[in-house]
N, C-alpha and C. Protein backbone atom coordinates (compact mmCIF):
# COMPACT_ATOMS: atom_id res chain seq x y z
N MET A 1 18.76 -159.57 -31.30
CA MET A 1 19.18 -160.95 -31.38
C MET A 1 18.91 -161.66 -30.05
N THR A 2 18.76 -162.94 -30.11
CA THR A 2 18.47 -163.74 -28.94
C THR A 2 19.76 -164.17 -28.28
N SER A 3 19.79 -164.15 -26.96
CA SER A 3 20.93 -164.71 -26.25
C SER A 3 20.41 -165.75 -25.28
N PHE A 4 21.26 -166.70 -24.95
CA PHE A 4 20.84 -167.81 -24.11
C PHE A 4 21.80 -167.95 -22.96
N ALA A 5 21.27 -168.08 -21.76
CA ALA A 5 22.08 -168.37 -20.59
C ALA A 5 21.41 -169.51 -19.85
N LEU A 6 22.07 -170.64 -19.81
CA LEU A 6 21.53 -171.83 -19.16
C LEU A 6 22.58 -172.37 -18.22
N CYS A 7 22.27 -173.43 -17.49
CA CYS A 7 23.26 -173.93 -16.52
C CYS A 7 23.61 -175.39 -16.75
N SER A 8 24.84 -175.70 -16.61
CA SER A 8 25.50 -177.02 -16.61
C SER A 8 26.98 -176.75 -16.73
N CYS A 9 27.78 -177.80 -16.87
CA CYS A 9 29.19 -177.56 -17.16
C CYS A 9 29.71 -178.62 -18.09
N GLY A 10 30.89 -178.38 -18.69
CA GLY A 10 31.38 -179.18 -19.79
C GLY A 10 31.96 -180.51 -19.43
N GLY A 11 32.10 -181.31 -20.48
CA GLY A 11 32.71 -182.62 -20.36
C GLY A 11 32.25 -183.49 -21.49
N GLY A 12 32.88 -184.59 -21.69
CA GLY A 12 32.44 -185.53 -22.70
C GLY A 12 33.04 -185.22 -24.05
N SER A 13 32.68 -186.02 -25.00
CA SER A 13 33.19 -185.92 -26.36
C SER A 13 32.56 -184.77 -27.10
N ASP A 14 33.27 -184.20 -28.05
CA ASP A 14 32.71 -183.16 -28.90
C ASP A 14 32.06 -183.73 -30.14
N GLU A 15 32.10 -185.02 -30.32
CA GLU A 15 31.51 -185.63 -31.49
C GLU A 15 30.04 -185.93 -31.27
N PRO A 16 29.19 -185.60 -32.27
CA PRO A 16 27.77 -185.86 -32.10
C PRO A 16 27.47 -187.35 -32.15
N SER A 17 26.40 -187.74 -31.48
CA SER A 17 25.94 -189.11 -31.59
C SER A 17 24.45 -189.05 -31.84
N GLY A 18 23.84 -190.16 -32.12
CA GLY A 18 22.40 -190.17 -32.38
C GLY A 18 22.13 -190.07 -33.86
N PRO A 19 20.92 -189.58 -34.22
CA PRO A 19 20.50 -189.63 -35.61
C PRO A 19 21.09 -188.56 -36.50
N GLU A 20 21.96 -187.70 -35.98
CA GLU A 20 22.53 -186.69 -36.84
C GLU A 20 23.39 -187.35 -37.90
N SER A 21 23.26 -186.88 -39.12
CA SER A 21 24.04 -187.43 -40.21
C SER A 21 24.99 -186.37 -40.71
N PRO A 22 26.30 -186.58 -40.59
CA PRO A 22 27.23 -185.60 -41.11
C PRO A 22 26.99 -185.43 -42.60
N ALA A 23 26.82 -184.20 -43.01
CA ALA A 23 26.53 -183.93 -44.41
C ALA A 23 27.70 -183.27 -45.09
N THR A 24 28.54 -182.62 -44.31
CA THR A 24 29.59 -181.81 -44.89
C THR A 24 30.81 -181.89 -44.00
N ALA A 25 31.87 -181.30 -44.43
CA ALA A 25 33.02 -181.13 -43.55
C ALA A 25 32.62 -180.16 -42.46
N SER A 26 33.40 -180.06 -41.41
CA SER A 26 33.00 -179.22 -40.29
C SER A 26 32.95 -177.75 -40.64
N SER A 27 33.27 -177.36 -41.87
CA SER A 27 33.10 -175.98 -42.26
C SER A 27 31.63 -175.62 -42.28
N GLY A 28 30.74 -176.62 -42.43
CA GLY A 28 29.33 -176.40 -42.24
C GLY A 28 28.59 -175.88 -43.44
N SER A 29 28.68 -176.49 -44.58
CA SER A 29 27.85 -176.12 -45.70
C SER A 29 26.41 -176.44 -45.37
N SER A 30 25.48 -175.83 -46.07
CA SER A 30 24.08 -176.00 -45.68
C SER A 30 23.44 -177.26 -46.24
N ALA A 31 24.19 -178.14 -46.85
CA ALA A 31 23.62 -179.42 -47.26
C ALA A 31 23.58 -180.34 -46.04
N GLY A 32 22.58 -181.19 -45.97
CA GLY A 32 22.50 -182.11 -44.84
C GLY A 32 21.60 -183.27 -45.19
N SER A 33 21.76 -184.38 -44.52
CA SER A 33 20.88 -185.51 -44.77
C SER A 33 19.75 -185.49 -43.76
N GLU A 34 18.66 -186.07 -44.19
CA GLU A 34 17.47 -186.10 -43.35
C GLU A 34 17.71 -187.01 -42.16
N SER A 35 17.41 -186.51 -40.98
CA SER A 35 17.51 -187.31 -39.77
C SER A 35 16.23 -188.09 -39.60
N PRO A 36 16.29 -189.20 -38.89
CA PRO A 36 15.08 -190.01 -38.71
C PRO A 36 13.99 -189.23 -38.01
N SER A 37 12.77 -189.65 -38.22
CA SER A 37 11.64 -189.02 -37.57
C SER A 37 11.68 -189.29 -36.08
N ALA A 38 11.03 -188.40 -35.34
CA ALA A 38 10.93 -188.57 -33.90
C ALA A 38 10.07 -189.79 -33.60
N PRO A 39 10.31 -190.44 -32.49
CA PRO A 39 9.47 -191.56 -32.11
C PRO A 39 8.02 -191.10 -31.98
N ALA A 40 7.10 -191.95 -32.35
CA ALA A 40 5.69 -191.61 -32.24
C ALA A 40 5.30 -191.61 -30.77
N ALA A 41 5.37 -190.45 -30.15
CA ALA A 41 5.05 -190.35 -28.73
C ALA A 41 4.08 -189.21 -28.54
N GLU A 42 3.11 -189.43 -27.68
CA GLU A 42 2.22 -188.35 -27.31
C GLU A 42 2.99 -187.42 -26.41
N GLY A 43 2.82 -186.15 -26.60
CA GLY A 43 3.52 -185.20 -25.76
C GLY A 43 2.98 -183.81 -26.01
N GLU A 44 3.69 -182.83 -25.52
CA GLU A 44 3.29 -181.45 -25.68
C GLU A 44 4.02 -180.83 -26.85
N THR A 45 3.31 -179.95 -27.57
CA THR A 45 3.90 -179.27 -28.71
C THR A 45 4.12 -177.80 -28.39
N ALA A 46 5.30 -177.31 -28.75
CA ALA A 46 5.62 -175.89 -28.66
C ALA A 46 5.53 -175.35 -30.07
N GLU A 47 4.78 -174.26 -30.27
CA GLU A 47 4.60 -173.70 -31.61
C GLU A 47 4.81 -172.20 -31.56
N LEU A 48 5.66 -171.69 -32.44
CA LEU A 48 5.90 -170.26 -32.59
C LEU A 48 5.94 -169.94 -34.08
N ASP A 49 5.05 -169.09 -34.55
CA ASP A 49 5.06 -168.61 -35.94
C ASP A 49 5.17 -169.73 -36.96
N GLY A 50 4.46 -170.83 -36.74
CA GLY A 50 4.44 -171.95 -37.67
C GLY A 50 5.52 -172.99 -37.45
N ALA A 51 6.51 -172.70 -36.62
CA ALA A 51 7.57 -173.66 -36.31
C ALA A 51 7.13 -174.45 -35.07
N GLN A 52 7.30 -175.78 -35.13
CA GLN A 52 6.81 -176.64 -34.04
C GLN A 52 7.83 -177.70 -33.66
N PHE A 53 7.89 -177.96 -32.36
CA PHE A 53 8.61 -179.10 -31.82
C PHE A 53 7.67 -179.80 -30.85
N THR A 54 7.70 -181.13 -30.85
CA THR A 54 6.89 -181.90 -29.91
C THR A 54 7.82 -182.67 -28.99
N ALA A 55 7.58 -182.50 -27.70
CA ALA A 55 8.36 -183.22 -26.70
C ALA A 55 7.61 -184.47 -26.29
N PRO A 56 8.30 -185.57 -26.06
CA PRO A 56 7.64 -186.82 -25.64
C PRO A 56 6.97 -186.67 -24.28
N THR A 57 6.09 -187.59 -23.99
CA THR A 57 5.44 -187.65 -22.69
C THR A 57 6.51 -187.69 -21.60
N GLY A 58 6.29 -186.94 -20.54
CA GLY A 58 7.24 -186.88 -19.44
C GLY A 58 8.11 -185.64 -19.47
N TRP A 59 8.25 -185.04 -20.64
CA TRP A 59 8.97 -183.79 -20.77
C TRP A 59 8.03 -182.65 -20.37
N TYR A 60 8.59 -181.48 -20.08
CA TYR A 60 7.72 -180.32 -19.87
C TYR A 60 7.96 -179.30 -20.98
N VAL A 61 6.90 -178.61 -21.35
CA VAL A 61 6.95 -177.56 -22.36
C VAL A 61 6.20 -176.38 -21.78
N LYS A 62 6.90 -175.26 -21.61
CA LYS A 62 6.22 -174.10 -21.04
C LYS A 62 6.66 -172.82 -21.73
N PRO A 63 5.69 -171.94 -22.01
CA PRO A 63 6.03 -170.65 -22.60
C PRO A 63 6.76 -169.78 -21.58
N GLU A 64 7.73 -169.02 -22.07
CA GLU A 64 8.48 -168.12 -21.19
C GLU A 64 9.04 -166.96 -22.00
N ASP A 65 8.54 -165.77 -21.75
CA ASP A 65 9.04 -164.54 -22.39
C ASP A 65 9.10 -164.62 -23.91
N GLY A 66 8.04 -165.11 -24.55
CA GLY A 66 7.98 -165.17 -26.00
C GLY A 66 8.70 -166.36 -26.61
N SER A 67 9.26 -167.22 -25.78
CA SER A 67 9.94 -168.44 -26.22
C SER A 67 9.26 -169.61 -25.53
N TYR A 68 9.81 -170.79 -25.74
CA TYR A 68 9.37 -171.98 -25.01
C TYR A 68 10.59 -172.62 -24.37
N VAL A 69 10.40 -173.13 -23.16
CA VAL A 69 11.40 -173.97 -22.51
C VAL A 69 10.91 -175.40 -22.67
N ILE A 70 11.76 -176.25 -23.23
CA ILE A 70 11.45 -177.66 -23.42
C ILE A 70 12.40 -178.43 -22.52
N GLY A 71 11.86 -179.02 -21.45
CA GLY A 71 12.71 -179.63 -20.43
C GLY A 71 12.65 -181.15 -20.42
N ALA A 72 13.82 -181.74 -20.26
CA ALA A 72 13.94 -183.19 -20.15
C ALA A 72 13.24 -183.67 -18.88
N PRO A 73 12.79 -184.92 -18.87
CA PRO A 73 12.10 -185.45 -17.69
C PRO A 73 12.98 -185.40 -16.44
N ASP A 74 12.32 -185.24 -15.30
CA ASP A 74 13.03 -185.23 -14.02
C ASP A 74 13.61 -186.61 -13.72
N ASP A 75 14.74 -186.60 -13.03
CA ASP A 75 15.34 -187.86 -12.58
C ASP A 75 14.65 -188.32 -11.29
N ALA A 76 15.14 -189.37 -10.68
CA ALA A 76 14.53 -189.94 -9.48
C ALA A 76 14.51 -188.96 -8.30
N ASP A 77 15.42 -187.98 -8.32
CA ASP A 77 15.48 -186.99 -7.25
C ASP A 77 14.63 -185.75 -7.56
N GLY A 78 13.95 -185.75 -8.73
CA GLY A 78 13.09 -184.63 -9.07
C GLY A 78 13.77 -183.49 -9.80
N PHE A 79 14.94 -183.74 -10.37
CA PHE A 79 15.66 -182.70 -11.10
C PHE A 79 15.76 -183.04 -12.58
N SER A 80 15.52 -182.05 -13.42
CA SER A 80 15.71 -182.24 -14.86
C SER A 80 17.19 -182.04 -15.17
N PRO A 81 17.78 -182.93 -16.01
CA PRO A 81 19.20 -182.79 -16.34
C PRO A 81 19.49 -181.64 -17.29
N GLY A 82 18.44 -181.08 -17.92
CA GLY A 82 18.65 -179.98 -18.83
C GLY A 82 17.41 -179.63 -19.62
N SER A 83 17.56 -178.61 -20.45
CA SER A 83 16.43 -178.14 -21.24
C SER A 83 16.92 -177.37 -22.46
N GLY A 84 15.97 -177.06 -23.32
CA GLY A 84 16.25 -176.24 -24.49
C GLY A 84 15.35 -175.02 -24.49
N ILE A 85 15.86 -173.93 -25.03
CA ILE A 85 15.05 -172.73 -25.23
C ILE A 85 14.80 -172.62 -26.72
N PHE A 86 13.52 -172.67 -27.10
CA PHE A 86 13.08 -172.62 -28.50
C PHE A 86 12.55 -171.22 -28.77
N ASN A 87 13.10 -170.58 -29.82
CA ASN A 87 12.73 -169.22 -30.15
C ASN A 87 12.65 -169.06 -31.66
N VAL A 88 11.76 -168.20 -32.10
CA VAL A 88 11.63 -167.85 -33.52
C VAL A 88 11.66 -166.33 -33.61
N GLY A 89 12.37 -165.81 -34.58
CA GLY A 89 12.41 -164.36 -34.76
C GLY A 89 12.77 -163.98 -36.18
N THR A 90 12.58 -162.73 -36.48
CA THR A 90 12.96 -162.20 -37.79
C THR A 90 14.47 -162.29 -37.93
N THR A 91 14.92 -162.57 -39.13
CA THR A 91 16.36 -162.71 -39.36
C THR A 91 16.80 -161.89 -40.56
N LEU A 92 18.03 -161.44 -40.52
CA LEU A 92 18.66 -160.80 -41.68
C LEU A 92 19.50 -161.81 -42.44
N ALA A 93 19.69 -163.00 -41.85
CA ALA A 93 20.48 -164.05 -42.50
C ALA A 93 19.72 -164.57 -43.72
N SER A 94 20.44 -164.76 -44.82
CA SER A 94 19.80 -165.27 -46.03
C SER A 94 19.79 -166.79 -46.07
N ASP A 95 20.66 -167.43 -45.25
CA ASP A 95 20.72 -168.89 -45.25
C ASP A 95 21.30 -169.39 -43.93
N VAL A 96 21.36 -170.70 -43.80
CA VAL A 96 21.82 -171.33 -42.57
C VAL A 96 23.28 -170.98 -42.28
N ASP A 97 24.12 -170.87 -43.31
CA ASP A 97 25.52 -170.56 -43.08
C ASP A 97 25.69 -169.18 -42.45
N GLU A 98 24.96 -168.18 -42.95
CA GLU A 98 25.02 -166.84 -42.36
C GLU A 98 24.51 -166.85 -40.92
N LEU A 99 23.43 -167.57 -40.69
CA LEU A 99 22.86 -167.66 -39.35
C LEU A 99 23.84 -168.33 -38.39
N ALA A 100 24.48 -169.40 -38.84
CA ALA A 100 25.45 -170.12 -38.01
C ALA A 100 26.65 -169.24 -37.69
N GLU A 101 27.13 -168.50 -38.69
CA GLU A 101 28.28 -167.62 -38.47
C GLU A 101 27.95 -166.57 -37.41
N ALA A 102 26.78 -165.97 -37.50
CA ALA A 102 26.36 -164.97 -36.51
C ALA A 102 26.22 -165.60 -35.13
N ALA A 103 25.62 -166.78 -35.06
CA ALA A 103 25.43 -167.46 -33.77
C ALA A 103 26.77 -167.83 -33.15
N LEU A 104 27.69 -168.33 -33.97
CA LEU A 104 29.00 -168.73 -33.44
C LEU A 104 29.75 -167.51 -32.90
N SER A 105 29.64 -166.39 -33.58
CA SER A 105 30.34 -165.20 -33.09
C SER A 105 29.76 -164.74 -31.75
N ARG A 106 28.48 -164.99 -31.49
CA ARG A 106 27.87 -164.61 -30.21
C ARG A 106 28.25 -165.57 -29.09
N VAL A 107 28.56 -166.82 -29.40
CA VAL A 107 28.85 -167.79 -28.33
C VAL A 107 30.34 -168.01 -28.10
N GLU A 108 31.19 -167.48 -28.95
CA GLU A 108 32.64 -167.72 -28.80
C GLU A 108 33.19 -167.26 -27.45
N THR A 109 32.70 -166.16 -26.95
CA THR A 109 33.20 -165.66 -25.67
C THR A 109 32.76 -166.56 -24.52
N ALA A 110 31.52 -166.99 -24.53
CA ALA A 110 30.99 -167.83 -23.46
C ALA A 110 31.50 -169.27 -23.55
N TYR A 111 31.80 -169.73 -24.75
CA TYR A 111 32.21 -171.12 -24.97
C TYR A 111 33.50 -171.14 -25.79
N PRO A 112 34.66 -171.01 -25.14
CA PRO A 112 35.92 -170.93 -25.88
C PRO A 112 36.17 -172.12 -26.80
N ASP A 113 35.61 -173.30 -26.46
CA ASP A 113 35.81 -174.47 -27.31
C ASP A 113 34.66 -174.64 -28.30
N GLY A 114 33.78 -173.64 -28.38
CA GLY A 114 32.62 -173.73 -29.27
C GLY A 114 33.02 -173.92 -30.72
N LYS A 115 32.29 -174.80 -31.39
CA LYS A 115 32.57 -175.04 -32.81
C LYS A 115 31.30 -175.48 -33.52
N ARG A 116 31.35 -175.36 -34.82
CA ARG A 116 30.24 -175.79 -35.65
C ARG A 116 30.47 -177.23 -36.07
N LEU A 117 29.45 -178.04 -35.85
CA LEU A 117 29.47 -179.44 -36.27
C LEU A 117 28.75 -179.53 -37.62
N PRO A 118 28.77 -180.69 -38.27
CA PRO A 118 28.05 -180.82 -39.55
C PRO A 118 26.55 -180.52 -39.39
N ASP A 119 26.01 -179.91 -40.43
CA ASP A 119 24.58 -179.61 -40.47
C ASP A 119 23.76 -180.89 -40.46
N VAL A 120 22.51 -180.76 -40.02
CA VAL A 120 21.57 -181.87 -39.99
C VAL A 120 20.23 -181.38 -40.53
N LYS A 121 19.40 -182.32 -40.95
CA LYS A 121 18.06 -181.97 -41.44
C LYS A 121 17.01 -182.53 -40.51
N TYR A 122 16.05 -181.67 -40.20
CA TYR A 122 14.89 -182.05 -39.43
C TYR A 122 13.67 -181.47 -40.14
N GLY A 123 12.66 -182.29 -40.37
CA GLY A 123 11.43 -181.82 -41.00
C GLY A 123 11.66 -181.15 -42.34
N GLY A 124 12.68 -181.60 -43.08
CA GLY A 124 12.97 -181.04 -44.39
C GLY A 124 13.78 -179.76 -44.37
N SER A 125 14.14 -179.26 -43.20
CA SER A 125 14.93 -178.02 -43.08
C SER A 125 16.33 -178.34 -42.58
N THR A 126 17.32 -177.67 -43.15
CA THR A 126 18.71 -177.84 -42.74
C THR A 126 18.98 -176.95 -41.53
N PHE A 127 19.51 -177.56 -40.47
CA PHE A 127 19.87 -176.85 -39.24
C PHE A 127 21.38 -176.86 -39.08
N PHE A 128 21.96 -175.72 -38.66
CA PHE A 128 23.34 -175.75 -38.21
C PHE A 128 23.35 -176.35 -36.81
N HIS A 129 24.52 -176.81 -36.36
CA HIS A 129 24.67 -177.36 -35.01
C HIS A 129 25.98 -176.85 -34.43
N LEU A 130 25.87 -176.08 -33.35
CA LEU A 130 27.03 -175.60 -32.62
C LEU A 130 27.11 -176.37 -31.31
N ARG A 131 28.33 -176.58 -30.85
CA ARG A 131 28.51 -177.28 -29.57
C ARG A 131 29.66 -176.61 -28.83
N GLY A 132 29.51 -176.48 -27.51
CA GLY A 132 30.57 -175.91 -26.70
C GLY A 132 30.34 -176.20 -25.24
N THR A 133 31.34 -175.87 -24.44
CA THR A 133 31.24 -176.03 -22.99
C THR A 133 31.87 -174.81 -22.33
N ASN A 134 31.51 -174.60 -21.09
CA ASN A 134 32.20 -173.62 -20.25
C ASN A 134 32.17 -174.16 -18.83
N ASP A 135 32.46 -173.34 -17.85
CA ASP A 135 32.53 -173.82 -16.47
C ASP A 135 31.18 -174.23 -15.91
N THR A 136 30.09 -173.83 -16.54
CA THR A 136 28.78 -174.08 -15.95
C THR A 136 27.81 -174.88 -16.81
N GLU A 137 28.16 -175.19 -18.05
CA GLU A 137 27.20 -175.93 -18.87
C GLU A 137 27.82 -176.61 -20.08
N ARG A 138 27.09 -177.60 -20.59
CA ARG A 138 27.36 -178.23 -21.88
C ARG A 138 26.25 -177.72 -22.79
N PHE A 139 26.62 -177.20 -23.94
CA PHE A 139 25.72 -176.43 -24.78
C PHE A 139 25.64 -177.00 -26.19
N ASP A 140 24.43 -177.15 -26.72
CA ASP A 140 24.19 -177.50 -28.12
C ASP A 140 23.18 -176.51 -28.66
N HIS A 141 23.51 -175.87 -29.77
CA HIS A 141 22.66 -174.83 -30.36
C HIS A 141 22.36 -175.22 -31.80
N TYR A 142 21.08 -175.25 -32.14
CA TYR A 142 20.62 -175.58 -33.48
C TYR A 142 19.86 -174.40 -34.05
N GLY A 143 19.97 -174.18 -35.36
CA GLY A 143 19.22 -173.10 -35.98
C GLY A 143 19.03 -173.30 -37.46
N THR A 144 17.94 -172.72 -37.97
CA THR A 144 17.64 -172.78 -39.40
C THR A 144 16.92 -171.50 -39.80
N VAL A 145 16.86 -171.26 -41.09
CA VAL A 145 16.11 -170.15 -41.65
C VAL A 145 14.95 -170.74 -42.43
N VAL A 146 13.72 -170.39 -42.03
CA VAL A 146 12.52 -170.84 -42.73
C VAL A 146 11.51 -169.70 -42.78
N GLY A 147 10.87 -169.53 -43.94
CA GLY A 147 9.83 -168.53 -44.08
C GLY A 147 10.26 -167.13 -43.66
N GLY A 148 11.50 -166.76 -43.88
CA GLY A 148 11.98 -165.43 -43.50
C GLY A 148 12.26 -165.26 -42.02
N SER A 149 12.24 -166.35 -41.26
CA SER A 149 12.49 -166.30 -39.82
C SER A 149 13.63 -167.25 -39.46
N GLU A 150 14.25 -166.96 -38.32
CA GLU A 150 15.23 -167.89 -37.77
C GLU A 150 14.54 -168.69 -36.69
N VAL A 151 14.79 -169.99 -36.71
CA VAL A 151 14.28 -170.91 -35.70
C VAL A 151 15.51 -171.41 -34.96
N LEU A 152 15.53 -171.19 -33.64
CA LEU A 152 16.69 -171.54 -32.83
C LEU A 152 16.27 -172.38 -31.63
N VAL A 153 17.10 -173.36 -31.30
CA VAL A 153 16.93 -174.12 -30.07
C VAL A 153 18.30 -174.21 -29.42
N ALA A 154 18.41 -173.67 -28.21
CA ALA A 154 19.65 -173.71 -27.44
C ALA A 154 19.47 -174.69 -26.29
N TRP A 155 20.20 -175.79 -26.33
CA TRP A 155 20.11 -176.84 -25.32
C TRP A 155 21.24 -176.69 -24.31
N SER A 156 20.94 -176.94 -23.06
CA SER A 156 21.95 -176.93 -22.00
C SER A 156 21.68 -178.10 -21.06
N PHE A 157 22.73 -178.87 -20.78
CA PHE A 157 22.60 -180.03 -19.89
C PHE A 157 23.72 -180.02 -18.86
N ASN A 158 23.41 -180.57 -17.71
CA ASN A 158 24.36 -180.67 -16.62
C ASN A 158 25.12 -182.00 -16.74
N PRO A 159 26.42 -181.94 -17.02
CA PRO A 159 27.18 -183.18 -17.22
C PRO A 159 27.38 -184.00 -15.96
N LYS A 160 27.04 -183.45 -14.81
CA LYS A 160 27.11 -184.24 -13.59
C LYS A 160 25.94 -185.21 -13.51
N TRP A 161 24.90 -184.95 -14.30
CA TRP A 161 23.70 -185.77 -14.26
C TRP A 161 23.52 -186.64 -15.49
N VAL A 162 24.10 -186.26 -16.64
CA VAL A 162 23.99 -187.06 -17.86
C VAL A 162 25.31 -187.03 -18.63
N THR A 163 25.62 -188.12 -19.32
CA THR A 163 26.81 -188.19 -20.16
C THR A 163 26.55 -187.48 -21.48
N ARG A 164 27.58 -187.33 -22.29
CA ARG A 164 27.43 -186.73 -23.61
C ARG A 164 26.47 -187.58 -24.44
N ASP A 165 26.62 -188.91 -24.40
CA ASP A 165 25.72 -189.78 -25.17
C ASP A 165 24.28 -189.64 -24.70
N GLU A 166 24.07 -189.57 -23.39
CA GLU A 166 22.71 -189.38 -22.87
C GLU A 166 22.15 -188.02 -23.27
N THR A 167 23.01 -187.00 -23.28
CA THR A 167 22.59 -185.67 -23.71
C THR A 167 22.12 -185.72 -25.16
N ASP A 168 22.92 -186.34 -26.02
CA ASP A 168 22.54 -186.45 -27.43
C ASP A 168 21.24 -187.22 -27.59
N GLU A 169 21.09 -188.29 -26.80
CA GLU A 169 19.86 -189.09 -26.86
C GLU A 169 18.64 -188.25 -26.47
N LEU A 170 18.78 -187.43 -25.44
CA LEU A 170 17.66 -186.57 -25.02
C LEU A 170 17.32 -185.54 -26.10
N ILE A 171 18.34 -184.88 -26.62
CA ILE A 171 18.10 -183.88 -27.68
C ILE A 171 17.43 -184.54 -28.87
N ASN A 172 17.86 -185.74 -29.22
CA ASN A 172 17.32 -186.44 -30.39
C ASN A 172 15.90 -186.97 -30.17
N GLN A 173 15.37 -186.83 -28.98
CA GLN A 173 13.96 -187.15 -28.75
C GLN A 173 13.05 -185.99 -29.17
N VAL A 174 13.62 -184.80 -29.32
CA VAL A 174 12.82 -183.62 -29.64
C VAL A 174 13.14 -183.06 -31.03
N MET A 175 14.40 -182.89 -31.37
CA MET A 175 14.77 -182.21 -32.62
C MET A 175 14.14 -182.83 -33.87
N PRO A 176 14.07 -184.15 -34.01
CA PRO A 176 13.47 -184.72 -35.23
C PRO A 176 11.97 -184.47 -35.35
N SER A 177 11.33 -183.93 -34.31
CA SER A 177 9.90 -183.64 -34.39
C SER A 177 9.60 -182.33 -35.09
N PHE A 178 10.64 -181.60 -35.53
CA PHE A 178 10.45 -180.28 -36.12
C PHE A 178 9.51 -180.31 -37.32
N LYS A 179 8.60 -179.35 -37.33
CA LYS A 179 7.71 -179.11 -38.47
C LYS A 179 7.60 -177.62 -38.67
N PHE A 180 7.45 -177.20 -39.91
CA PHE A 180 7.18 -175.78 -40.19
C PHE A 180 5.94 -175.71 -41.06
N GLU A 181 4.95 -175.01 -40.56
CA GLU A 181 3.69 -174.84 -41.28
C GLU A 181 3.41 -173.36 -41.42
N GLY A 182 4.27 -172.68 -42.20
CA GLY A 182 4.16 -171.22 -42.32
C GLY A 182 3.66 -170.77 -43.64
């Protein structure tokens, strides 16, 4: 299984903002409404086993240990406020609910306030959404099951550099670009 360790620390609201559409109660059924498409921006694409995300111009996308790091643009001082780790792997989960349950059990220790938010749809696929904080980061984790694989993106942002709304805005520049061509 994949584990994620990123840096930032908690703060802000636990409610999602941006194009996510609550589809279910917070119990997290796998139904979800389609989120708007990503803005038409030229950028770099990260592709693993047919799953793709495109980051807008100004973002960085770099392969790292079989995954991709998708980083938000640097601020005026040359620091990125956060990034996501995009990974694809074989899964034993039969659906998004099983995948979310397994992911939540792995993050509960690191993020005591971690919880599942309503599912969202990107590129026709339903993604679970977990959110939590700890002493060093604000964390958003998305995942889906497509073509017998799990597609995961673990986002981490530093709340000293961006607000919760700005974090959601940054994430929403990339997540709606999801495509699966498997």
